[in-house]
PDB file of N, CA and C in Angstrom:
ATOM      1  N   UNK A   1      86.659  47.470  56.149  1.00  0.00           N
ATOM      2  CA  UNK A   1      86.966  46.951  54.824  1.00  0.00           C
ATOM      3  C   UNK A   1      88.370  47.372  54.372  1.00  0.00           C
ATOM      4  N   UNK A   2      88.693  48.656  54.624  1.00  0.00           N
ATOM      5  CA  UNK A   2      90.008  49.141  54.199  1.00  0.00           C
ATOM      6  C   UNK A   2      91.137  48.431  54.930  1.00  0.00           C
ATOM      7  N   UNK A   3      90.950  48.214  56.232  1.00  0.00           N
ATOM      8  CA  UNK A   3      92.008  47.544  56.998  1.00  0.00           C
ATOM      9  C   UNK A   3      92.196  46.107  56.508  1.00  0.00           C
ATOM     10  N   UNK A   4      91.117  45.445  56.141  1.00  0.00           N
ATOM     11  CA  UNK A   4      91.226  44.082  55.613  1.00  0.00           C
ATOM     12  C   UNK A   4      91.964  44.073  54.276  1.00  0.00           C
ATOM     13  N   UNK A   5      91.649  45.056  53.422  1.00  0.00           N
ATOM     14  CA  UNK A   5      92.322  45.130  52.126  1.00  0.00           C
ATOM     15  C   UNK A   5      93.812  45.402  52.287  1.00  0.00           C
ATOM     16  N   UNK A   6      94.172  46.138  53.341  1.00  0.00           N
ATOM     17  CA  UNK A   6      95.580  46.448  53.606  1.00  0.00           C
ATOM     18  C   UNK A   6      96.261  45.355  54.432  1.00  0.00           C
ATOM     19  N   UNK A   7      95.503  44.311  54.772  1.00  0.00           N
ATOM     20  CA  UNK A   7      96.008  43.197  55.595  1.00  0.00           C
ATOM     21  C   UNK A   7      96.561  43.692  56.929  1.00  0.00           C
ATOM     22  N   UNK A   8      95.790  44.569  57.573  1.00  0.00           N
ATOM     23  CA  UNK A   8      96.169  45.118  58.878  1.00  0.00           C
ATOM     24  C   UNK A   8      94.982  45.023  59.820  1.00  0.00           C
ATOM     25  N   UNK A   9      95.270  45.058  61.102  1.00  0.00           N
ATOM     26  CA  UNK A   9      94.182  45.166  62.066  1.00  0.00           C
ATOM     27  C   UNK A   9      93.584  46.569  61.933  1.00  0.00           C
ATOM     28  N   UNK A  10      92.355  46.734  62.386  1.00  0.00           N
ATOM     29  CA  UNK A  10      91.715  48.045  62.297  1.00  0.00           C
ATOM     30  C   UNK A  10      92.512  49.113  63.028  1.00  0.00           C
ATOM     31  N   UNK A  11      92.967  48.801  64.236  1.00  0.00           N
ATOM     32  CA  UNK A  11      93.689  49.804  65.020  1.00  0.00           C
ATOM     33  C   UNK A  11      95.022  50.176  64.367  1.00  0.00           C
ATOM     34  N   UNK A  12      95.736  49.188  63.835  1.00  0.00           N
ATOM     35  CA  UNK A  12      97.009  49.482  63.178  1.00  0.00           C
ATOM     36  C   UNK A  12      96.788  50.299  61.906  1.00  0.00           C
ATOM     37  N   UNK A  13      95.788  49.922  61.129  1.00  0.00           N
ATOM     38  CA  UNK A  13      95.466  50.669  59.907  1.00  0.00           C
ATOM     39  C   UNK A  13      95.133  52.113  60.244  1.00  0.00           C
ATOM     40  N   UNK A  14      94.297  52.312  61.265  1.00  0.00           N
ATOM     41  CA  UNK A  14      93.904  53.656  61.670  1.00  0.00           C
ATOM     42  C   UNK A  14      95.133  54.478  62.052  1.00  0.00           C
ATOM     43  N   UNK A  15      96.022  53.886  62.830  1.00  0.00           N
ATOM     44  CA  UNK A  15      97.230  54.580  63.291  1.00  0.00           C
ATOM     45  C   UNK A  15      98.131  54.943  62.106  1.00  0.00           C
ATOM     46  N   UNK A  16      98.375  53.996  61.211  1.00  0.00           N
ATOM     47  CA  UNK A  16      99.228  54.252  60.046  1.00  0.00           C
ATOM     48  C   UNK A  16      98.607  55.304  59.143  1.00  0.00           C
ATOM     49  N   UNK A  17      97.324  55.182  58.885  1.00  0.00           N
ATOM     50  CA  UNK A  17      96.607  56.130  58.026  1.00  0.00           C
ATOM     51  C   UNK A  17      96.708  57.538  58.593  1.00  0.00           C
ATOM     52  N   UNK A  18      96.430  57.665  59.892  1.00  0.00           N
ATOM     53  CA  UNK A  18      96.457  58.987  60.527  1.00  0.00           C
ATOM     54  C   UNK A  18      97.878  59.559  60.549  1.00  0.00           C
ATOM     55  N   UNK A  19      98.872  58.720  60.773  1.00  0.00           N
ATOM     56  CA  UNK A  19     100.263  59.193  60.750  1.00  0.00           C
ATOM     57  C   UNK A  19     100.665  59.683  59.364  1.00  0.00           C
ATOM     58  N   UNK A  20     100.205  59.003  58.331  1.00  0.00           N
ATOM     59  CA  UNK A  20     100.580  59.362  56.962  1.00  0.00           C
ATOM     60  C   UNK A  20      99.825  60.584  56.428  1.00  0.00           C
ATOM     61  N   UNK A  21      98.515  60.637  56.696  1.00  0.00           N
ATOM     62  CA  UNK A  21      97.683  61.695  56.103  1.00  0.00           C
ATOM     63  C   UNK A  21      97.259  62.783  57.085  1.00  0.00           C
ATOM     64  N   UNK A  22      97.441  62.533  58.365  1.00  0.00           N
ATOM     65  CA  UNK A  22      97.092  63.549  59.356  1.00  0.00           C
ATOM     66  C   UNK A  22      95.628  63.579  59.744  1.00  0.00           C
ATOM     67  N   UNK A  23      94.824  62.706  59.160  1.00  0.00           N
ATOM     68  CA  UNK A  23      93.403  62.607  59.521  1.00  0.00           C
ATOM     69  C   UNK A  23      93.014  61.139  59.589  1.00  0.00           C
ATOM     70  N   UNK A  24      91.915  60.879  60.269  1.00  0.00           N
ATOM     71  CA  UNK A  24      91.451  59.500  60.390  1.00  0.00           C
ATOM     72  C   UNK A  24      90.842  59.025  59.068  1.00  0.00           C
ATOM     73  N   UNK A  25      90.765  57.715  58.881  1.00  0.00           N
ATOM     74  CA  UNK A  25      90.146  57.197  57.648  1.00  0.00           C
ATOM     75  C   UNK A  25      88.710  57.694  57.452  1.00  0.00           C
ATOM     76  N   UNK A  26      87.919  57.741  58.518  1.00  0.00           N
ATOM     77  CA  UNK A  26      86.524  58.186  58.362  1.00  0.00           C
ATOM     78  C   UNK A  26      86.457  59.663  58.005  1.00  0.00           C
ATOM     79  N   UNK A  27      87.352  60.473  58.567  1.00  0.00           N
ATOM     80  CA  UNK A  27      87.384  61.890  58.192  1.00  0.00           C
ATOM     81  C   UNK A  27      87.765  62.048  56.720  1.00  0.00           C
ATOM     82  N   UNK A  28      88.726  61.252  56.264  1.00  0.00           N
ATOM     83  CA  UNK A  28      89.122  61.291  54.860  1.00  0.00           C
ATOM     84  C   UNK A  28      87.939  60.925  53.962  1.00  0.00           C
ATOM     85  N   UNK A  29      87.259  59.845  54.303  1.00  0.00           N
ATOM     86  CA  UNK A  29      86.118  59.387  53.510  1.00  0.00           C
ATOM     87  C   UNK A  29      85.019  60.444  53.505  1.00  0.00           C
ATOM     88  N   UNK A  30      84.707  60.996  54.674  1.00  0.00           N
ATOM     89  CA  UNK A  30      83.669  62.029  54.737  1.00  0.00           C
ATOM     90  C   UNK A  30      84.059  63.275  53.953  1.00  0.00           C
ATOM     91  N   UNK A  31      85.334  63.664  53.989  1.00  0.00           N
ATOM     92  CA  UNK A  31      85.783  64.819  53.195  1.00  0.00           C
ATOM     93  C   UNK A  31      85.542  64.569  51.717  1.00  0.00           C
ATOM     94  N   UNK A  32      85.863  63.375  51.256  1.00  0.00           N
ATOM     95  CA  UNK A  32      85.655  63.037  49.848  1.00  0.00           C
ATOM     96  C   UNK A  32      84.166  63.002  49.502  1.00  0.00           C
ATOM     97  N   UNK A  33      83.365  62.468  50.400  1.00  0.00           N
ATOM     98  CA  UNK A  33      81.909  62.428  50.159  1.00  0.00           C
ATOM     99  C   UNK A  33      81.326  63.845  50.093  1.00  0.00           C
ATOM    100  N   UNK A  34      81.781  64.713  50.975  1.00  0.00           N
ATOM    101  CA  UNK A  34      81.275  66.096  50.979  1.00  0.00           C
ATOM    102  C   UNK A  34      81.744  66.831  49.727  1.00  0.00           C
ATOM    103  N   UNK A  35      82.973  66.563  49.299  1.00  0.00           N
ATOM    104  CA  UNK A  35      83.456  67.194  48.067  1.00  0.00           C
ATOM    105  C   UNK A  35      82.591  66.758  46.878  1.00  0.00           C
ATOM    106  N   UNK A  36      82.260  65.471  46.812  1.00  0.00           N
ATOM    107  CA  UNK A  36      81.385  64.969  45.752  1.00  0.00           C
ATOM    108  C   UNK A  36      79.996  65.591  45.876  1.00  0.00           C
ATOM    109  N   UNK A  37      79.481  65.668  47.092  1.00  0.00           N
ATOM    110  CA  UNK A  37      78.152  66.254  47.308  1.00  0.00           C
ATOM    111  C   UNK A  37      78.115  67.703  46.850  1.00  0.00           C
ATOM    112  N   UNK A  38      79.138  68.478  47.179  1.00  0.00           N
ATOM    113  CA  UNK A  38      79.185  69.877  46.765  1.00  0.00           C
ATOM    114  C   UNK A  38      79.163  69.989  45.244  1.00  0.00           C
ATOM    115  N   UNK A  39      79.859  69.084  44.588  1.00  0.00           N
ATOM    116  CA  UNK A  39      79.858  69.073  43.126  1.00  0.00           C
ATOM    117  C   UNK A  39      78.474  68.731  42.579  1.00  0.00           C
ATOM    118  N   UNK A  40      77.840  67.715  43.151  1.00  0.00           N
ATOM    119  CA  UNK A  40      76.509  67.300  42.687  1.00  0.00           C
ATOM    120  C   UNK A  40      75.445  68.360  42.968  1.00  0.00           C
ATOM    121  N   UNK A  41      75.600  69.081  44.068  1.00  0.00           N
ATOM    122  CA  UNK A  41      74.609  70.101  44.427  1.00  0.00           C
ATOM    123  C   UNK A  41      74.673  71.322  43.515  1.00  0.00           C
ATOM    124  N   UNK A  42      75.656  71.393  42.656  1.00  0.00           N
ATOM    125  CA  UNK A  42      75.708  72.500  41.708  1.00  0.00           C
ATOM    126  C   UNK A  42      74.638  72.372  40.632  1.00  0.00           C
ATOM    127  N   UNK A  43      74.056  71.192  40.536  1.00  0.00           N
ATOM    128  CA  UNK A  43      72.935  70.977  39.617  1.00  0.00           C
ATOM    129  C   UNK A  43      71.650  71.292  40.379  1.00  0.00           C
ATOM    130  N   UNK A  44      70.970  72.382  40.041  1.00  0.00           N
ATOM    131  CA  UNK A  44      69.764  72.781  40.796  1.00  0.00           C
ATOM    132  C   UNK A  44      68.611  71.784  40.683  1.00  0.00           C
ATOM    133  N   UNK A  45      68.681  70.864  39.735  1.00  0.00           N
ATOM    134  CA  UNK A  45      67.616  69.862  39.581  1.00  0.00           C
ATOM    135  C   UNK A  45      67.781  68.692  40.538  1.00  0.00           C
ATOM    136  N   UNK A  46      68.981  68.541  41.101  1.00  0.00           N
ATOM    137  CA  UNK A  46      69.249  67.435  42.029  1.00  0.00           C
ATOM    138  C   UNK A  46      68.587  67.694  43.375  1.00  0.00           C
ATOM    139  N   UNK A  47      67.960  66.694  43.902  1.00  0.00           N
ATOM    140  CA  UNK A  47      67.382  66.773  45.241  1.00  0.00           C
ATOM    141  C   UNK A  47      68.450  66.378  46.261  1.00  0.00           C
ATOM    142  N   UNK A  48      68.381  66.988  47.441  1.00  0.00           N
ATOM    143  CA  UNK A  48      69.361  66.705  48.489  1.00  0.00           C
ATOM    144  C   UNK A  48      69.356  65.216  48.823  1.00  0.00           C
ATOM    145  N   UNK A  49      68.185  64.595  48.835  1.00  0.00           N
ATOM    146  CA  UNK A  49      68.106  63.167  49.135  1.00  0.00           C
ATOM    147  C   UNK A  49      68.893  62.342  48.123  1.00  0.00           C
ATOM    148  N   UNK A  50      68.759  62.666  46.849  1.00  0.00           N
ATOM    149  CA  UNK A  50      69.516  61.960  45.813  1.00  0.00           C
ATOM    150  C   UNK A  50      71.015  62.101  46.060  1.00  0.00           C
ATOM    151  N   UNK A  51      71.420  63.313  46.407  1.00  0.00           N
ATOM    152  CA  UNK A  51      72.840  63.604  46.587  1.00  0.00           C
ATOM    153  C   UNK A  51      73.411  62.825  47.763  1.00  0.00           C
ATOM    154  N   UNK A  52      72.757  62.895  48.924  1.00  0.00           N
ATOM    155  CA  UNK A  52      73.352  62.216  50.079  1.00  0.00           C
ATOM    156  C   UNK A  52      73.386  60.706  49.894  1.00  0.00           C
ATOM    157  N   UNK A  53      72.400  60.165  49.224  1.00  0.00           N
ATOM    158  CA  UNK A  53      72.409  58.724  48.983  1.00  0.00           C
ATOM    159  C   UNK A  53      73.484  58.347  47.954  1.00  0.00           C
ATOM    160  N   UNK A  54      73.628  59.167  46.935  1.00  0.00           N
ATOM    161  CA  UNK A  54      74.638  58.910  45.906  1.00  0.00           C
ATOM    162  C   UNK A  54      76.057  59.002  46.475  1.00  0.00           C
ATOM    163  N   UNK A  55      76.215  59.812  47.510  1.00  0.00           N
ATOM    164  CA  UNK A  55      77.532  60.011  48.129  1.00  0.00           C
ATOM    165  C   UNK A  55      77.827  58.996  49.229  1.00  0.00           C
ATOM    166  N   UNK A  56      76.908  58.090  49.498  1.00  0.00           N
ATOM    167  CA  UNK A  56      77.169  57.019  50.449  1.00  0.00           C
ATOM    168  C   UNK A  56      76.735  57.283  51.877  1.00  0.00           C
ATOM    169  N   UNK A  57      76.021  58.365  52.108  1.00  0.00           N
ATOM    170  CA  UNK A  57      75.492  58.625  53.455  1.00  0.00           C
ATOM    171  C   UNK A  57      74.180  57.880  53.621  1.00  0.00           C
ATOM    172  N   UNK A  58      73.989  57.269  54.767  1.00  0.00           N
ATOM    173  CA  UNK A  58      72.752  56.527  55.020  1.00  0.00           C
ATOM    174  C   UNK A  58      71.708  57.375  55.731  1.00  0.00           C
ATOM    175  N   UNK A  59      72.132  58.453  56.340  1.00  0.00           N
ATOM    176  CA  UNK A  59      71.229  59.285  57.123  1.00  0.00           C
ATOM    177  C   UNK A  59      71.315  60.737  56.646  1.00  0.00           C
ATOM    178  N   UNK A  60      70.158  61.331  56.397  1.00  0.00           N
ATOM    179  CA  UNK A  60      70.158  62.731  55.972  1.00  0.00           C
ATOM    180  C   UNK A  60      70.654  63.637  57.087  1.00  0.00           C
ATOM    181  N   UNK A  61      70.300  63.334  58.322  1.00  0.00           N
ATOM    182  CA  UNK A  61      70.735  64.201  59.419  1.00  0.00           C
ATOM    183  C   UNK A  61      72.257  64.168  59.567  1.00  0.00           C
ATOM    184  N   UNK A  62      72.867  62.992  59.419  1.00  0.00           N
ATOM    185  CA  UNK A  62      74.322  62.895  59.494  1.00  0.00           C
ATOM    186  C   UNK A  62      74.961  63.639  58.323  1.00  0.00           C
ATOM    187  N   UNK A  63      74.386  63.474  57.129  1.00  0.00           N
ATOM    188  CA  UNK A  63      74.877  64.196  55.956  1.00  0.00           C
ATOM    189  C   UNK A  63      74.800  65.704  56.186  1.00  0.00           C
ATOM    190  N   UNK A  64      73.654  66.186  56.664  1.00  0.00           N
ATOM    191  CA  UNK A  64      73.507  67.622  56.924  1.00  0.00           C
ATOM    192  C   UNK A  64      74.539  68.115  57.921  1.00  0.00           C
ATOM    193  N   UNK A  65      74.756  67.344  58.986  1.00  0.00           N
ATOM    194  CA  UNK A  65      75.721  67.721  60.018  1.00  0.00           C
ATOM    195  C   UNK A  65      77.140  67.786  59.450  1.00  0.00           C
ATOM    196  N   UNK A  66      77.517  66.777  58.684  1.00  0.00           N
ATOM    197  CA  UNK A  66      78.863  66.749  58.096  1.00  0.00           C
ATOM    198  C   UNK A  66      79.038  67.856  57.057  1.00  0.00           C
ATOM    199  N   UNK A  67      78.012  68.088  56.254  1.00  0.00           N
ATOM    200  CA  UNK A  67      78.091  69.124  55.222  1.00  0.00           C
ATOM    201  C   UNK A  67      78.242  70.497  55.872  1.00  0.00           C
ATOM    202  N   UNK A  68      77.430  70.762  56.889  1.00  0.00           N
ATOM    203  CA  UNK A  68      77.522  72.048  57.594  1.00  0.00           C
ATOM    204  C   UNK A  68      78.886  72.229  58.249  1.00  0.00           C
ATOM    205  N   UNK A  69      79.419  71.156  58.813  1.00  0.00           N
ATOM    206  CA  UNK A  69      80.728  71.224  59.473  1.00  0.00           C
ATOM    207  C   UNK A  69      81.817  71.591  58.470  1.00  0.00           C
ATOM    208  N   UNK A  70      81.730  71.058  57.260  1.00  0.00           N
ATOM    209  CA  UNK A  70      82.773  71.299  56.255  1.00  0.00           C
ATOM    210  C   UNK A  70      82.554  72.575  55.453  1.00  0.00           C
ATOM    211  N   UNK A  71      81.298  72.903  55.172  1.00  0.00           N
ATOM    212  CA  UNK A  71      80.998  74.038  54.281  1.00  0.00           C
ATOM    213  C   UNK A  71      80.369  75.235  55.000  1.00  0.00           C
ATOM    214  N   UNK A  72      80.069  75.087  56.270  1.00  0.00           N
ATOM    215  CA  UNK A  72      79.467  76.161  57.082  1.00  0.00           C
ATOM    216  C   UNK A  72      78.113  76.640  56.560  1.00  0.00           C
ATOM    217  N   UNK A  73      77.419  75.772  55.855  1.00  0.00           N
ATOM    218  CA  UNK A  73      76.089  76.079  55.333  1.00  0.00           C
ATOM    219  C   UNK A  73      75.390  74.748  55.077  1.00  0.00           C
ATOM    220  N   UNK A  74      74.066  74.746  55.138  1.00  0.00           N
ATOM    221  CA  UNK A  74      73.326  73.509  54.885  1.00  0.00           C
ATOM    222  C   UNK A  74      73.426  73.131  53.409  1.00  0.00           C
ATOM    223  N   UNK A  75      73.210  71.862  53.094  1.00  0.00           N
ATOM    224  CA  UNK A  75      73.277  71.443  51.687  1.00  0.00           C
ATOM    225  C   UNK A  75      72.301  72.218  50.789  1.00  0.00           C
ATOM    226  N   UNK A  76      71.087  72.425  51.259  1.00  0.00           N
ATOM    227  CA  UNK A  76      70.089  73.139  50.442  1.00  0.00           C
ATOM    228  C   UNK A  76      70.495  74.588  50.237  1.00  0.00           C
ATOM    229  N   UNK A  77      70.983  75.230  51.307  1.00  0.00           N
ATOM    230  CA  UNK A  77      71.436  76.621  51.188  1.00  0.00           C
ATOM    231  C   UNK A  77      72.629  76.713  50.242  1.00  0.00           C
ATOM    232  N   UNK A  78      73.521  75.732  50.311  1.00  0.00           N
ATOM    233  CA  UNK A  78      74.674  75.693  49.409  1.00  0.00           C
ATOM    234  C   UNK A  78      74.201  75.577  47.957  1.00  0.00           C
ATOM    235  N   UNK A  79      73.246  74.690  47.737  1.00  0.00           N
ATOM    236  CA  UNK A  79      72.724  74.498  46.379  1.00  0.00           C
ATOM    237  C   UNK A  79      72.104  75.787  45.859  1.00  0.00           C
ATOM    238  N   UNK A  80      71.341  76.453  46.678  1.00  0.00           N
ATOM    239  CA  UNK A  80      70.714  77.716  46.292  1.00  0.00           C
ATOM    240  C   UNK A  80      71.773  78.757  45.997  1.00  0.00           C
ATOM    241  N   UNK A  81      72.782  78.831  46.851  1.00  0.00           N
ATOM    242  CA  UNK A  81      73.845  79.812  46.706  1.00  0.00           C
ATOM    243  C   UNK A  81      74.627  79.613  45.399  1.00  0.00           C
ATOM    244  N   UNK A  82      75.010  78.383  45.098  1.00  0.00           N
ATOM    245  CA  UNK A  82      75.806  78.138  43.890  1.00  0.00           C
ATOM    246  C   UNK A  82      74.980  78.230  42.610  1.00  0.00           C
ATOM    247  N   UNK A  83      73.694  77.979  42.702  1.00  0.00           N
ATOM    248  CA  UNK A  83      72.867  78.070  41.483  1.00  0.00           C
ATOM    249  C   UNK A  83      72.590  79.517  41.103  1.00  0.00           C
ATOM    250  N   UNK A  84      72.755  80.428  42.042  1.00  0.00           N
ATOM    251  CA  UNK A  84      72.574  81.857  41.755  1.00  0.00           C
ATOM    252  C   UNK A  84      73.826  82.472  41.145  1.00  0.00           C
ATOM    253  N   UNK A  85      74.955  81.807  41.307  1.00  0.00           N
ATOM    254  CA  UNK A  85      76.229  82.349  40.810  1.00  0.00           C
ATOM    255  C   UNK A  85      76.330  82.272  39.309  1.00  0.00           C
TER     256      UNK A  85
END
């Protein structure tokens, strides 16, 4: 979708994006989704399922994997940790 909006082929868009920002478009999008998820998980009433769906992830396992990769802790553990602070 992004490459179409930029009127570029997917490969050219990917190359330009990575040259400009230093990361791939999907990594950028996932970073933003995880940042939003971390913010939403600060509410102890929010369920992890609500959060990952609200952030645009279709799979809980993929969300968990990406969240752990970025935050070094599972989403539920992160929520517990920040709600105690």
